Amino acid sequence: MKRRIPQSIVMRALAVMIISVSVVVVSTFMLSLSEQGLNSNFMNILFEVTSAFGTVGLSMGLTPDLSTFGKLVIILTMFIGRLGPLTLAFALSQRNNQDKFRYPEEKVLIG
């Protein structure tokens, strides 16, 4: 339709994706380390974390058997997923003060 997406929107989408993937990877890694005696495979842990981040309510039955630390990781992941990675990124980022106005451009004859 002969339109383009502004660079700021593309960067915001990239930031949301990177933050979301980072939260899921870190949470999965933390649960994998803390729940070694649970006899659960990596895919079950990844499913639990992804489901918690997406706040969809699905479970493989792993959450009730988690340790206290594991439950806290799931709770924090659910909170971050509900709050939204973009909101979290805005809260943590610094605001740069851009000028509220711009001067109009002028074409000047040269030569």
Protein backbone atom coordinates (compact mmCIF):
# COMPACT_ATOMS: atom_id res chain seq x y z
CA MET A 1 0.00 0.00 0.00
CA LYS A 2 3.08 2.19 -0.47
CA ARG A 3 3.56 2.88 3.23
CA ARG A 4 6.55 2.45 5.45
CA ILE A 5 6.96 1.69 9.12
CA PRO A 6 8.87 4.33 11.08
CA GLN A 7 12.26 3.31 12.45
CA SER A 8 11.14 4.05 16.02
CA ILE A 9 8.31 1.49 15.76
CA VAL A 10 10.66 -1.14 14.36
CA MET A 11 13.14 -0.54 17.20
CA ARG A 12 10.35 -0.72 19.78
CA ALA A 13 9.16 -4.05 18.36
CA LEU A 14 12.74 -5.35 18.40
CA ALA A 15 13.13 -4.25 22.03
CA VAL A 16 9.91 -6.03 23.03
CA MET A 17 11.04 -9.22 21.31
CA ILE A 18 14.52 -9.16 22.87
CA ILE A 19 13.17 -8.46 26.36
CA SER A 20 10.52 -11.18 26.04
CA VAL A 21 12.96 -13.82 24.82
CA SER A 22 15.45 -12.81 27.51
CA VAL A 23 12.87 -13.17 30.29
CA VAL A 24 11.82 -16.62 29.04
CA VAL A 25 15.44 -17.82 28.63
CA VAL A 26 16.58 -16.52 32.04
CA SER A 27 13.53 -17.95 33.81
CA THR A 28 13.96 -21.32 32.09
CA PHE A 29 17.65 -21.37 33.01
CA MET A 30 16.90 -20.52 36.64
CA LEU A 31 14.25 -23.24 36.89
CA SER A 32 16.51 -25.77 35.20
CA LEU A 33 19.20 -25.12 37.80
CA SER A 34 16.94 -25.00 40.83
CA GLU A 35 14.70 -27.97 39.97
CA GLN A 36 17.24 -30.65 39.11
CA GLY A 37 15.79 -33.18 41.55
CA LEU A 38 12.31 -32.86 40.07
CA ASN A 39 12.99 -35.32 37.21
CA SER A 40 11.42 -33.05 34.63
CA ASN A 41 12.83 -32.53 31.19
CA PHE A 42 13.78 -29.23 29.62
CA MET A 43 10.71 -29.06 27.39
CA ASN A 44 8.33 -29.27 30.36
CA ILE A 45 10.16 -26.44 32.13
CA LEU A 46 10.20 -24.35 28.95
CA PHE A 47 6.47 -24.95 28.48
CA GLU A 48 5.72 -23.88 32.07
CA VAL A 49 7.80 -20.71 31.74
CA THR A 50 6.35 -19.79 28.34
CA SER A 51 2.85 -20.40 29.61
CA ALA A 52 3.53 -18.27 32.69
CA PHE A 53 4.98 -15.45 30.59
CA GLY A 54 2.02 -15.52 28.23
CA THR A 55 -0.40 -15.82 31.19
CA VAL A 56 -2.46 -18.38 29.29
CA GLY A 57 -3.16 -20.73 32.20
CA LEU A 58 -1.81 -23.92 30.63
CA SER A 59 0.39 -26.26 32.65
CA MET A 60 2.12 -29.61 32.41
CA GLY A 61 1.49 -30.20 36.12
CA LEU A 62 5.00 -29.11 37.07
CA THR A 63 4.19 -25.94 39.00
CA PRO A 64 2.75 -27.54 42.19
CA ASP A 65 5.90 -29.64 42.59
CA LEU A 66 8.32 -26.71 42.31
CA SER A 67 10.42 -25.50 45.21
CA THR A 68 9.69 -22.14 46.82
CA PHE A 69 12.35 -20.50 44.66
CA GLY A 70 10.88 -22.10 41.54
CA LYS A 71 7.41 -20.86 42.41
CA LEU A 72 8.79 -17.36 42.94
CA VAL A 73 10.44 -17.51 39.50
CA ILE A 74 7.10 -18.53 37.95
CA ILE A 75 5.27 -15.77 39.85
CA LEU A 76 7.78 -13.14 38.71
CA THR A 77 7.58 -14.41 35.13
CA MET A 78 3.78 -14.19 35.23
CA PHE A 79 3.96 -10.67 36.63
CA ILE A 80 6.41 -9.52 33.94
CA GLY A 81 4.29 -11.16 31.24
CA ARG A 82 1.14 -9.50 32.55
CA LEU A 83 2.78 -6.13 32.99
CA GLY A 84 4.21 -6.28 29.51
CA PRO A 85 7.77 -6.10 28.29
CA LEU A 86 7.18 -2.76 26.59
CA THR A 87 5.93 -1.17 29.81
CA LEU A 88 8.93 -2.60 31.63
CA ALA A 89 11.30 -1.28 28.96
CA PHE A 90 9.78 2.19 29.18
CA ALA A 91 10.05 2.16 32.95
CA LEU A 92 13.72 1.19 32.85
CA SER A 93 14.79 3.38 29.94
CA GLN A 94 15.96 6.92 30.20
CA ARG A 95 13.95 9.56 28.50
CA ASN A 96 15.77 11.81 26.13
CA ASN A 97 14.38 15.27 25.79
CA GLN A 98 13.88 16.01 22.16
CA ASP A 99 13.02 19.43 20.93
CA LYS A 100 9.31 20.08 20.91
CA PHE A 101 9.59 21.82 17.56
CA ARG A 102 11.53 21.71 14.32
CA TYR A 103 12.26 24.48 11.94
CA PRO A 104 10.81 24.03 8.45
CA GLU A 105 13.18 23.06 5.68
CA GLU A 106 13.97 25.50 2.95
CA LYS A 107 15.34 24.74 -0.50
CA VAL A 108 18.08 27.21 -1.29
CA LEU A 109 19.24 27.85 -4.84
CA ILE A 110 22.94 27.24 -5.21
CA GLY A 111 24.99 28.23 -8.22
